[in-house]
Amino acid sequence: MITRTATGLRLKHDHRHEDGTADQVTQYGGDTATAGTARQQDFPADTFTAELIPAAKTNVWSFLFSTEKTLSYRLVRESEGSRFRVEFDLTKPVPAPRAPWGHP
């Protein structure tokens, strides 16, 4: 989930079970540290994340619009030298999941 804060944007991963209850590992993420751009926003891990998932304390999640038709979600964990990236084709809508999974 991305929400606006007084100083920028906040990313939180909201993991839930199919019955709608929160997973034990949820609400991790962070706030933007810079203004970013219209095409890219970066979210360094916050203190809550570092306490919940110690290995994730150096995580930086990013959203990038590579083109007008592609959105990329990227995770970089510098402490381990690991990188993950997935691209979404914005020209192909996906139906929303049924409630409560998709928050009614």
PDB file of N, CA and C in Angstrom:
ATOM      1  N   MET A   1       0.847  -1.157   0.000  1.00  0.00           N
ATOM      2  CA  MET A   1       0.000   0.000   0.000  1.00  0.00           C
ATOM      3  C   MET A   1       0.901   1.231   0.000  1.00  0.00           C
ATOM      4  N   ILE A   2       0.551   2.195  -0.812  1.00  0.00           N
ATOM      5  CA  ILE A   2       1.274   3.460  -0.824  1.00  0.00           C
ATOM      6  C   ILE A   2       0.317   4.544  -0.368  1.00  0.00           C
ATOM      7  N   THR A   3       0.735   5.295   0.648  1.00  0.00           N
ATOM      8  CA  THR A   3      -0.081   6.394   1.163  1.00  0.00           C
ATOM      9  C   THR A   3       0.779   7.654   1.239  1.00  0.00           C
ATOM     10  N   ARG A   4       0.123   8.785   1.266  1.00  0.00           N
ATOM     11  CA  ARG A   4       0.821  10.068   1.374  1.00  0.00           C
ATOM     12  C   ARG A   4       1.044  10.388   2.846  1.00  0.00           C
ATOM     13  N   THR A   5       2.222  10.933   3.163  1.00  0.00           N
ATOM     14  CA  THR A   5       2.527  11.406   4.513  1.00  0.00           C
ATOM     15  C   THR A   5       2.731  12.917   4.441  1.00  0.00           C
ATOM     16  N   ALA A   6       3.006  13.548   5.560  1.00  0.00           N
ATOM     17  CA  ALA A   6       3.245  14.990   5.572  1.00  0.00           C
ATOM     18  C   ALA A   6       4.518  15.362   4.819  1.00  0.00           C
ATOM     19  N   THR A   7       5.445  14.394   4.701  1.00  0.00           N
ATOM     20  CA  THR A   7       6.737  14.700   4.068  1.00  0.00           C
ATOM     21  C   THR A   7       7.014  13.906   2.800  1.00  0.00           C
ATOM     22  N   GLY A   8       6.107  13.066   2.362  1.00  0.00           N
ATOM     23  CA  GLY A   8       6.349  12.273   1.156  1.00  0.00           C
ATOM     24  C   GLY A   8       5.362  11.138   1.007  1.00  0.00           C
ATOM     25  N   LEU A   9       5.881   9.945   0.736  1.00  0.00           N
ATOM     26  CA  LEU A   9       5.052   8.757   0.538  1.00  0.00           C
ATOM     27  C   LEU A   9       5.507   7.646   1.467  1.00  0.00           C
ATOM     28  N   ARG A  10       4.589   6.745   1.788  1.00  0.00           N
ATOM     29  CA  ARG A  10       4.887   5.594   2.646  1.00  0.00           C
ATOM     30  C   ARG A  10       4.468   4.320   1.920  1.00  0.00           C
ATOM     31  N   LEU A  11       5.344   3.326   1.928  1.00  0.00           N
ATOM     32  CA  LEU A  11       5.052   2.005   1.375  1.00  0.00           C
ATOM     33  C   LEU A  11       4.943   1.020   2.529  1.00  0.00           C
ATOM     34  N   LYS A  12       3.864   0.269   2.566  1.00  0.00           N
ATOM     35  CA  LYS A  12       3.699  -0.802   3.549  1.00  0.00           C
ATOM     36  C   LYS A  12       3.183  -2.042   2.819  1.00  0.00           C
ATOM     37  N   HIS A  13       3.829  -3.174   3.071  1.00  0.00           N
ATOM     38  CA  HIS A  13       3.400  -4.448   2.508  1.00  0.00           C
ATOM     39  C   HIS A  13       2.357  -5.031   3.460  1.00  0.00           C
ATOM     40  N   ASP A  14       1.150  -5.192   3.002  1.00  0.00           N
ATOM     41  CA  ASP A  14       0.038  -5.665   3.820  1.00  0.00           C
ATOM     42  C   ASP A  14      -0.249  -7.112   3.454  1.00  0.00           C
ATOM     43  N   HIS A  15       0.354  -8.036   4.200  1.00  0.00           N
ATOM     44  CA  HIS A  15       0.186  -9.459   3.929  1.00  0.00           C
ATOM     45  C   HIS A  15      -0.954 -10.004   4.780  1.00  0.00           C
ATOM     46  N   ARG A  16      -1.890 -10.662   4.116  1.00  0.00           N
ATOM     47  CA  ARG A  16      -3.066 -11.219   4.797  1.00  0.00           C
ATOM     48  C   ARG A  16      -3.315 -12.650   4.353  1.00  0.00           C
ATOM     49  N   HIS A  17      -3.960 -13.382   5.255  1.00  0.00           N
ATOM     50  CA  HIS A  17      -4.397 -14.733   4.927  1.00  0.00           C
ATOM     51  C   HIS A  17      -5.706 -14.630   4.159  1.00  0.00           C
ATOM     52  N   GLU A  18      -6.098 -15.723   3.549  1.00  0.00           N
ATOM     53  CA  GLU A  18      -7.296 -15.695   2.720  1.00  0.00           C
ATOM     54  C   GLU A  18      -8.545 -15.279   3.492  1.00  0.00           C
ATOM     55  N   ASP A  19      -8.571 -15.523   4.807  1.00  0.00           N
ATOM     56  CA  ASP A  19      -9.735 -15.128   5.614  1.00  0.00           C
ATOM     57  C   ASP A  19      -9.690 -13.652   6.007  1.00  0.00           C
ATOM     58  N   GLY A  20      -8.643 -12.939   5.588  1.00  0.00           N
ATOM     59  CA  GLY A  20      -8.555 -11.511   5.863  1.00  0.00           C
ATOM     60  C   GLY A  20      -7.714 -11.150   7.071  1.00  0.00           C
ATOM     61  N   THR A  21      -7.307 -12.126   7.871  1.00  0.00           N
ATOM     62  CA  THR A  21      -6.482 -11.821   9.045  1.00  0.00           C
ATOM     63  C   THR A  21      -5.056 -11.497   8.612  1.00  0.00           C
ATOM     64  N   ALA A  22      -4.412 -10.642   9.395  1.00  0.00           N
ATOM     65  CA  ALA A  22      -3.053 -10.213   9.083  1.00  0.00           C
ATOM     66  C   ALA A  22      -2.056 -11.347   9.309  1.00  0.00           C
ATOM     67  N   ASP A  23      -1.090 -11.452   8.417  1.00  0.00           N
ATOM     68  CA  ASP A  23       0.010 -12.394   8.573  1.00  0.00           C
ATOM     69  C   ASP A  23       0.919 -11.891   9.684  1.00  0.00           C
ATOM     70  N   GLN A  24       1.746 -12.766  10.240  1.00  0.00           N
ATOM     71  CA  GLN A  24       2.694 -12.344  11.279  1.00  0.00           C
ATOM     72  C   GLN A  24       3.728 -11.374  10.718  1.00  0.00           C
ATOM     73  N   VAL A  25       4.086 -11.536   9.463  1.00  0.00           N
ATOM     74  CA  VAL A  25       5.056 -10.650   8.818  1.00  0.00           C
ATOM     75  C   VAL A  25       4.283  -9.748   7.858  1.00  0.00           C
ATOM     76  N   THR A  26       3.923  -8.577   8.343  1.00  0.00           N
ATOM     77  CA  THR A  26       3.136  -7.630   7.554  1.00  0.00           C
ATOM     78  C   THR A  26       3.436  -6.211   8.011  1.00  0.00           C
ATOM     79  N   GLN A  27       3.017  -5.266   7.215  1.00  0.00           N
ATOM     80  CA  GLN A  27       3.168  -3.828   7.484  1.00  0.00           C
ATOM     81  C   GLN A  27       4.622  -3.368   7.476  1.00  0.00           C
ATOM     82  N   TYR A  28       5.492  -4.109   6.814  1.00  0.00           N
ATOM     83  CA  TYR A  28       6.878  -3.666   6.686  1.00  0.00           C
ATOM     84  C   TYR A  28       7.013  -2.774   5.456  1.00  0.00           C
ATOM     85  N   GLY A  29       8.021  -1.932   5.442  1.00  0.00           N
ATOM     86  CA  GLY A  29       8.252  -1.015   4.330  1.00  0.00           C
ATOM     87  C   GLY A  29       9.020   0.190   4.820  1.00  0.00           C
ATOM     88  N   GLY A  30       8.649   1.360   4.307  1.00  0.00           N
ATOM     89  CA  GLY A  30       9.340   2.574   4.709  1.00  0.00           C
ATOM     90  C   GLY A  30       8.795   3.799   4.008  1.00  0.00           C
ATOM     91  N   ASP A  31       9.352   4.945   4.365  1.00  0.00           N
ATOM     92  CA  ASP A  31       8.960   6.235   3.799  1.00  0.00           C
ATOM     93  C   ASP A  31      10.009   6.716   2.807  1.00  0.00           C
ATOM     94  N   THR A  32       9.579   7.494   1.843  1.00  0.00           N
ATOM     95  CA  THR A  32      10.536   8.086   0.914  1.00  0.00           C
ATOM     96  C   THR A  32      11.464   9.010   1.695  1.00  0.00           C
ATOM     97  N   ALA A  33      12.739   8.981   1.341  1.00  0.00           N
ATOM     98  CA  ALA A  33      13.726   9.837   2.003  1.00  0.00           C
ATOM     99  C   ALA A  33      14.004  11.085   1.171  1.00  0.00           C
ATOM    100  N   THR A  34      13.628  11.035  -0.107  1.00  0.00           N
ATOM    101  CA  THR A  34      13.793  12.173  -1.011  1.00  0.00           C
ATOM    102  C   THR A  34      12.490  12.370  -1.764  1.00  0.00           C
ATOM    103  N   ALA A  35      12.406  13.445  -2.518  1.00  0.00           N
ATOM    104  CA  ALA A  35      11.179  13.741  -3.273  1.00  0.00           C
ATOM    105  C   ALA A  35      10.943  12.737  -4.394  1.00  0.00           C
ATOM    106  N   GLY A  36      11.989  12.084  -4.875  1.00  0.00           N
ATOM    107  CA  GLY A  36      11.816  11.165  -5.989  1.00  0.00           C
ATOM    108  C   GLY A  36      11.442  11.927  -7.246  1.00  0.00           C
ATOM    109  N   THR A  37      10.899  11.211  -8.217  1.00  0.00           N
ATOM    110  CA  THR A  37      10.472  11.833  -9.471  1.00  0.00           C
ATOM    111  C   THR A  37       9.106  11.302  -9.852  1.00  0.00           C
ATOM    112  N   ALA A  38       8.558  11.820 -10.922  1.00  0.00           N
ATOM    113  CA  ALA A  38       7.273  11.320 -11.418  1.00  0.00           C
ATOM    114  C   ALA A  38       7.408   9.878 -11.906  1.00  0.00           C
ATOM    115  N   ARG A  39       8.616   9.450 -12.242  1.00  0.00           N
ATOM    116  CA  ARG A  39       8.852   8.105 -12.765  1.00  0.00           C
ATOM    117  C   ARG A  39       9.420   7.124 -11.743  1.00  0.00           C
ATOM    118  N   GLN A  40       9.994   7.608 -10.627  1.00  0.00           N
ATOM    119  CA  GLN A  40      10.597   6.695  -9.660  1.00  0.00           C
ATOM    120  C   GLN A  40      10.452   7.211  -8.238  1.00  0.00           C
ATOM    121  N   GLN A  41      10.090   6.288  -7.342  1.00  0.00           N
ATOM    122  CA  GLN A  41      10.033   6.562  -5.908  1.00  0.00           C
ATOM    123  C   GLN A  41      10.759   5.427  -5.191  1.00  0.00           C
ATOM    124  N   ASP A  42      11.611   5.775  -4.223  1.00  0.00           N
ATOM    125  CA  ASP A  42      12.382   4.800  -3.454  1.00  0.00           C
ATOM    126  C   ASP A  42      11.953   4.849  -1.993  1.00  0.00           C
ATOM    127  N   PHE A  43      11.858   3.668  -1.389  1.00  0.00           N
ATOM    128  CA  PHE A  43      11.387   3.535  -0.009  1.00  0.00           C
ATOM    129  C   PHE A  43      12.385   2.727   0.817  1.00  0.00           C
ATOM    130  N   PRO A  44      13.311   3.386   1.526  1.00  0.00           N
ATOM    131  CA  PRO A  44      14.231   2.655   2.402  1.00  0.00           C
ATOM    132  C   PRO A  44      13.480   2.057   3.594  1.00  0.00           C
ATOM    133  N   ALA A  45      13.946   0.925   4.074  1.00  0.00           N
ATOM    134  CA  ALA A  45      13.319   0.249   5.210  1.00  0.00           C
ATOM    135  C   ALA A  45      13.285   1.159   6.438  1.00  0.00           C
ATOM    136  N   ASP A  46      12.161   1.122   7.150  1.00  0.00           N
ATOM    137  CA  ASP A  46      12.026   1.910   8.372  1.00  0.00           C
ATOM    138  C   ASP A  46      12.416   1.070   9.598  1.00  0.00           C
ATOM    139  N   THR A  47      12.376   1.686  10.762  1.00  0.00           N
ATOM    140  CA  THR A  47      12.757   1.016  12.006  1.00  0.00           C
ATOM    141  C   THR A  47      11.866  -0.180  12.297  1.00  0.00           C
ATOM    142  N   PHE A  48      10.565  -0.048  12.053  1.00  0.00           N
ATOM    143  CA  PHE A  48       9.641  -1.163  12.282  1.00  0.00           C
ATOM    144  C   PHE A  48      10.067  -2.373  11.458  1.00  0.00           C
ATOM    145  N   THR A  49      10.421  -2.140  10.208  1.00  0.00           N
ATOM    146  CA  THR A  49      10.854  -3.223   9.320  1.00  0.00           C
ATOM    147  C   THR A  49      12.121  -3.872   9.839  1.00  0.00           C
ATOM    148  N   ALA A  50      13.094  -3.058  10.243  1.00  0.00           N
ATOM    149  CA  ALA A  50      14.369  -3.580  10.746  1.00  0.00           C
ATOM    150  C   ALA A  50      14.163  -4.455  11.983  1.00  0.00           C
ATOM    151  N   GLU A  51      13.187  -4.110  12.815  1.00  0.00           N
ATOM    152  CA  GLU A  51      12.898  -4.908  14.012  1.00  0.00           C
ATOM    153  C   GLU A  51      12.113  -6.170  13.672  1.00  0.00           C
ATOM    154  N   LEU A  52      11.186  -6.061  12.722  1.00  0.00           N
ATOM    155  CA  LEU A  52      10.357  -7.200  12.329  1.00  0.00           C
ATOM    156  C   LEU A  52      11.158  -8.215  11.520  1.00  0.00           C
ATOM    157  N   ILE A  53      11.981  -7.714  10.598  1.00  0.00           N
ATOM    158  CA  ILE A  53      12.773  -8.563   9.701  1.00  0.00           C
ATOM    159  C   ILE A  53      14.207  -8.030   9.712  1.00  0.00           C
ATOM    160  N   PRO A  54      15.028  -8.417  10.671  1.00  0.00           N
ATOM    161  CA  PRO A  54      16.375  -7.855  10.778  1.00  0.00           C
ATOM    162  C   PRO A  54      17.181  -7.886   9.477  1.00  0.00           C
ATOM    163  N   ALA A  55      17.034  -8.930   8.683  1.00  0.00           N
ATOM    164  CA  ALA A  55      17.779  -9.018   7.418  1.00  0.00           C
ATOM    165  C   ALA A  55      17.352  -7.946   6.426  1.00  0.00           C
ATOM    166  N   ALA A  56      16.198  -7.343   6.634  1.00  0.00           N
ATOM    167  CA  ALA A  56      15.663  -6.351   5.699  1.00  0.00           C
ATOM    168  C   ALA A  56      16.020  -4.917   6.064  1.00  0.00           C
ATOM    169  N   LYS A  57      16.862  -4.726   7.069  1.00  0.00           N
ATOM    170  CA  LYS A  57      17.145  -3.367   7.534  1.00  0.00           C
ATOM    171  C   LYS A  57      17.801  -2.484   6.475  1.00  0.00           C
ATOM    172  N   THR A  58      18.448  -3.086   5.462  1.00  0.00           N
ATOM    173  CA  THR A  58      19.058  -2.284   4.389  1.00  0.00           C
ATOM    174  C   THR A  58      18.211  -2.291   3.111  1.00  0.00           C
ATOM    175  N   ASN A  59      17.012  -2.853   3.190  1.00  0.00           N
ATOM    176  CA  ASN A  59      16.149  -2.911   2.004  1.00  0.00           C
ATOM    177  C   ASN A  59      15.804  -1.522   1.484  1.00  0.00           C
ATOM    178  N   VAL A  60      15.729  -1.423   0.170  1.00  0.00           N
ATOM    179  CA  VAL A  60      15.156  -0.255  -0.493  1.00  0.00           C
ATOM    180  C   VAL A  60      14.219  -0.793  -1.571  1.00  0.00           C
ATOM    181  N   TRP A  61      12.931  -0.473  -1.440  1.00  0.00           N
ATOM    182  CA  TRP A  61      11.945  -0.843  -2.437  1.00  0.00           C
ATOM    183  C   TRP A  61      11.752   0.341  -3.364  1.00  0.00           C
ATOM    184  N   SER A  62      11.560   0.072  -4.638  1.00  0.00           N
ATOM    185  CA  SER A  62      11.361   1.148  -5.610  1.00  0.00           C
ATOM    186  C   SER A  62      10.219   0.807  -6.552  1.00  0.00           C
ATOM    187  N   PHE A  63       9.514   1.842  -6.965  1.00  0.00           N
ATOM    188  CA  PHE A  63       8.536   1.742  -8.037  1.00  0.00           C
ATOM    189  C   PHE A  63       9.040   2.617  -9.163  1.00  0.00           C
ATOM    190  N   LEU A  64       9.098   2.050 -10.377  1.00  0.00           N
ATOM    191  CA  LEU A  64       9.620   2.775 -11.528  1.00  0.00           C
ATOM    192  C   LEU A  64       8.671   2.617 -12.713  1.00  0.00           C
ATOM    193  N   PHE A  65       8.304   3.716 -13.311  1.00  0.00           N
ATOM    194  CA  PHE A  65       7.577   3.675 -14.575  1.00  0.00           C
ATOM    195  C   PHE A  65       8.634   3.713 -15.665  1.00  0.00           C
ATOM    196  N   SER A  66       8.961   2.531 -16.237  1.00  0.00           N
ATOM    197  CA  SER A  66       9.987   2.461 -17.270  1.00  0.00           C
ATOM    198  C   SER A  66       9.489   3.071 -18.574  1.00  0.00           C
ATOM    199  N   THR A  67       8.225   2.832 -18.869  1.00  0.00           N
ATOM    200  CA  THR A  67       7.565   3.399 -20.044  1.00  0.00           C
ATOM    201  C   THR A  67       6.168   3.784 -19.607  1.00  0.00           C
ATOM    202  N   GLU A  68       5.394   4.296 -20.511  1.00  0.00           N
ATOM    203  CA  GLU A  68       3.998   4.630 -20.185  1.00  0.00           C
ATOM    204  C   GLU A  68       3.165   3.369 -19.957  1.00  0.00           C
ATOM    205  N   LYS A  69       3.713   2.216 -20.338  1.00  0.00           N
ATOM    206  CA  LYS A  69       2.955   0.977 -20.268  1.00  0.00           C
ATOM    207  C   LYS A  69       3.508  -0.035 -19.274  1.00  0.00           C
ATOM    208  N   THR A  70       4.601   0.305 -18.595  1.00  0.00           N
ATOM    209  CA  THR A  70       5.270  -0.652 -17.709  1.00  0.00           C
ATOM    210  C   THR A  70       5.573  -0.036 -16.341  1.00  0.00           C
ATOM    211  N   LEU A  71       5.182  -0.752 -15.293  1.00  0.00           N
ATOM    212  CA  LEU A  71       5.527  -0.373 -13.924  1.00  0.00           C
ATOM    213  C   LEU A  71       6.424  -1.468 -13.365  1.00  0.00           C
ATOM    214  N   SER A  72       7.562  -1.077 -12.810  1.00  0.00           N
ATOM    215  CA  SER A  72       8.478  -2.041 -12.205  1.00  0.00           C
ATOM    216  C   SER A  72       8.473  -1.876 -10.688  1.00  0.00           C
ATOM    217  N   TYR A  73       8.515  -3.007 -10.002  1.00  0.00           N
ATOM    218  CA  TYR A  73       8.679  -3.065  -8.543  1.00  0.00           C
ATOM    219  C   TYR A  73      10.039  -3.695  -8.317  1.00  0.00           C
ATOM    220  N   ARG A  74      10.893  -2.989  -7.573  1.00  0.00           N
ATOM    221  CA  ARG A  74      12.263  -3.464  -7.370  1.00  0.00           C
ATOM    222  C   ARG A  74      12.586  -3.488  -5.881  1.00  0.00           C
ATOM    223  N   LEU A  75      13.338  -4.495  -5.479  1.00  0.00           N
ATOM    224  CA  LEU A  75      13.849  -4.595  -4.114  1.00  0.00           C
ATOM    225  C   LEU A  75      15.353  -4.767  -4.205  1.00  0.00           C
ATOM    226  N   VAL A  76      16.088  -3.917  -3.492  1.00  0.00           N
ATOM    227  CA  VAL A  76      17.534  -4.038  -3.392  1.00  0.00           C
ATOM    228  C   VAL A  76      17.877  -4.211  -1.916  1.00  0.00           C
ATOM    229  N   ARG A  77      18.643  -5.258  -1.614  1.00  0.00           N
ATOM    230  CA  ARG A  77      19.123  -5.497  -0.257  1.00  0.00           C
ATOM    231  C   ARG A  77      20.648  -5.463  -0.325  1.00  0.00           C
ATOM    232  N   GLU A  78      21.190  -4.257  -0.147  1.00  0.00           N
ATOM    233  CA  GLU A  78      22.634  -4.045  -0.313  1.00  0.00           C
ATOM    234  C   GLU A  78      23.476  -4.912   0.615  1.00  0.00           C
ATOM    235  N   SER A  79      22.996  -5.159   1.835  1.00  0.00           N
ATOM    236  CA  SER A  79      23.785  -5.931   2.794  1.00  0.00           C
ATOM    237  C   SER A  79      24.098  -7.328   2.282  1.00  0.00           C
ATOM    238  N   GLU A  80      23.264  -7.848   1.379  1.00  0.00           N
ATOM    239  CA  GLU A  80      23.485  -9.188   0.829  1.00  0.00           C
ATOM    240  C   GLU A  80      23.803  -9.142  -0.660  1.00  0.00           C
ATOM    241  N   GLY A  81      23.789  -7.942  -1.231  1.00  0.00           N
ATOM    242  CA  GLY A  81      24.039  -7.823  -2.657  1.00  0.00           C
ATOM    243  C   GLY A  81      22.931  -8.429  -3.501  1.00  0.00           C
ATOM    244  N   SER A  82      21.719  -8.514  -2.944  1.00  0.00           N
ATOM    245  CA  SER A  82      20.631  -9.130  -3.698  1.00  0.00           C
ATOM    246  C   SER A  82      19.713  -8.072  -4.303  1.00  0.00           C
ATOM    247  N   ARG A  83      19.172  -8.431  -5.457  1.00  0.00           N
ATOM    248  CA  ARG A  83      18.259  -7.551  -6.188  1.00  0.00           C
ATOM    249  C   ARG A  83      17.132  -8.395  -6.771  1.00  0.00           C
ATOM    250  N   PHE A  84      15.942  -7.823  -6.738  1.00  0.00           N
ATOM    251  CA  PHE A  84      14.755  -8.476  -7.284  1.00  0.00           C
ATOM    252  C   PHE A  84      13.981  -7.414  -8.043  1.00  0.00           C
ATOM    253  N   ARG A  85      13.461  -7.787  -9.205  1.00  0.00           N
ATOM    254  CA  ARG A  85      12.667  -6.835  -9.992  1.00  0.00           C
ATOM    255  C   ARG A  85      11.605  -7.599 -10.765  1.00  0.00           C
ATOM    256  N   VAL A  86      10.402  -7.042 -10.756  1.00  0.00           N
ATOM    257  CA  VAL A  86       9.306  -7.597 -11.544  1.00  0.00           C
ATOM    258  C   VAL A  86       8.651  -6.435 -12.283  1.00  0.00           C
ATOM    259  N   GLU A  87       8.217  -6.695 -13.511  1.00  0.00           N
ATOM    260  CA  GLU A  87       7.577  -5.661 -14.307  1.00  0.00           C
ATOM    261  C   GLU A  87       6.115  -6.019 -14.531  1.00  0.00           C
ATOM    262  N   PHE A  88       5.277  -4.994 -14.461  1.00  0.00           N
ATOM    263  CA  PHE A  88       3.843  -5.151 -14.692  1.00  0.00           C
ATOM    264  C   PHE A  88       3.471  -4.452 -15.980  1.00  0.00           C
ATOM    265  N   ASP A  89       2.730  -5.154 -16.813  1.00  0.00           N
ATOM    266  CA  ASP A  89       2.236  -4.594 -18.067  1.00  0.00           C
ATOM    267  C   ASP A  89       0.934  -3.864 -17.757  1.00  0.00           C
ATOM    268  N   LEU A  90       0.953  -2.558 -17.780  1.00  0.00           N
ATOM    269  CA  LEU A  90      -0.213  -1.756 -17.404  1.00  0.00           C
ATOM    270  C   LEU A  90      -1.307  -1.769 -18.454  1.00  0.00           C
ATOM    271  N   THR A  91      -1.033  -2.373 -19.608  1.00  0.00           N
ATOM    272  CA  THR A  91      -2.060  -2.458 -20.653  1.00  0.00           C
ATOM    273  C   THR A  91      -2.951  -3.677 -20.464  1.00  0.00           C
ATOM    274  N   LYS A  92      -2.613  -4.532 -19.469  1.00  0.00           N
ATOM    275  CA  LYS A  92      -3.375  -5.757 -19.234  1.00  0.00           C
ATOM    276  C   LYS A  92      -3.932  -5.772 -17.812  1.00  0.00           C
ATOM    277  N   PRO A  93      -5.124  -5.212 -17.612  1.00  0.00           N
ATOM    278  CA  PRO A  93      -5.714  -5.174 -16.270  1.00  0.00           C
ATOM    279  C   PRO A  93      -5.939  -6.583 -15.707  1.00  0.00           C
ATOM    280  N   VAL A  94      -5.842  -6.680 -14.390  1.00  0.00           N
ATOM    281  CA  VAL A  94      -6.072  -7.931 -13.677  1.00  0.00           C
ATOM    282  C   VAL A  94      -7.284  -7.717 -12.778  1.00  0.00           C
ATOM    283  N   PRO A  95      -8.237  -8.650 -12.783  1.00  0.00           N
ATOM    284  CA  PRO A  95      -9.405  -8.478 -11.911  1.00  0.00           C
ATOM    285  C   PRO A  95      -9.004  -8.465 -10.440  1.00  0.00           C
ATOM    286  N   ALA A  96      -9.695  -7.647  -9.653  1.00  0.00           N
ATOM    287  CA  ALA A  96      -9.440  -7.584  -8.209  1.00  0.00           C
ATOM    288  C   ALA A  96      -9.873  -8.890  -7.558  1.00  0.00           C
ATOM    289  N   PRO A  97      -9.137  -9.355  -6.531  1.00  0.00           N
ATOM    290  CA  PRO A  97      -9.544 -10.571  -5.828  1.00  0.00           C
ATOM    291  C   PRO A  97     -10.819 -10.328  -5.030  1.00  0.00           C
ATOM    292  N   ARG A  98     -11.485 -11.404  -4.674  1.00  0.00           N
ATOM    293  CA  ARG A  98     -12.727 -11.268  -3.906  1.00  0.00           C
ATOM    294  C   ARG A  98     -12.412 -10.855  -2.466  1.00  0.00           C
ATOM    295  N   ALA A  99     -13.363 -10.239  -1.789  1.00  0.00           N
ATOM    296  CA  ALA A  99     -13.211  -9.841  -0.393  1.00  0.00           C
ATOM    297  C   ALA A  99     -13.212 -11.094   0.480  1.00  0.00           C
ATOM    298  N   PRO A 100     -12.566 -11.110   1.667  1.00  0.00           N
ATOM    299  CA  PRO A 100     -11.860 -10.005   2.285  1.00  0.00           C
ATOM    300  C   PRO A 100     -10.423  -9.891   1.827  1.00  0.00           C
ATOM    301  N   TRP A 101      -9.962 -10.811   0.986  1.00  0.00           N
ATOM    302  CA  TRP A 101      -8.578 -10.821   0.522  1.00  0.00           C
ATOM    303  C   TRP A 101      -8.173  -9.467  -0.033  1.00  0.00           C
ATOM    304  N   GLY A 102      -9.018  -8.855  -0.810  1.00  0.00           N
ATOM    305  CA  GLY A 102      -8.689  -7.577  -1.426  1.00  0.00           C
ATOM    306  C   GLY A 102      -9.229  -6.374  -0.688  1.00  0.00           C
ATOM    307  N   HIS A 103      -9.466  -6.498   0.596  1.00  0.00           N
ATOM    308  CA  HIS A 103      -9.981  -5.406   1.423  1.00  0.00           C
ATOM    309  C   HIS A 103     -11.218  -4.776   0.786  1.00  0.00           C
ATOM    310  N   PRO A 104     -12.403  -5.178   1.225  1.00  0.00           N
ATOM    311  CA  PRO A 104     -13.648  -4.701   0.592  1.00  0.00           C
ATOM    312  C   PRO A 104     -13.791  -3.194   0.559  1.00  0.00           C
TER     313      PRO A 104
END
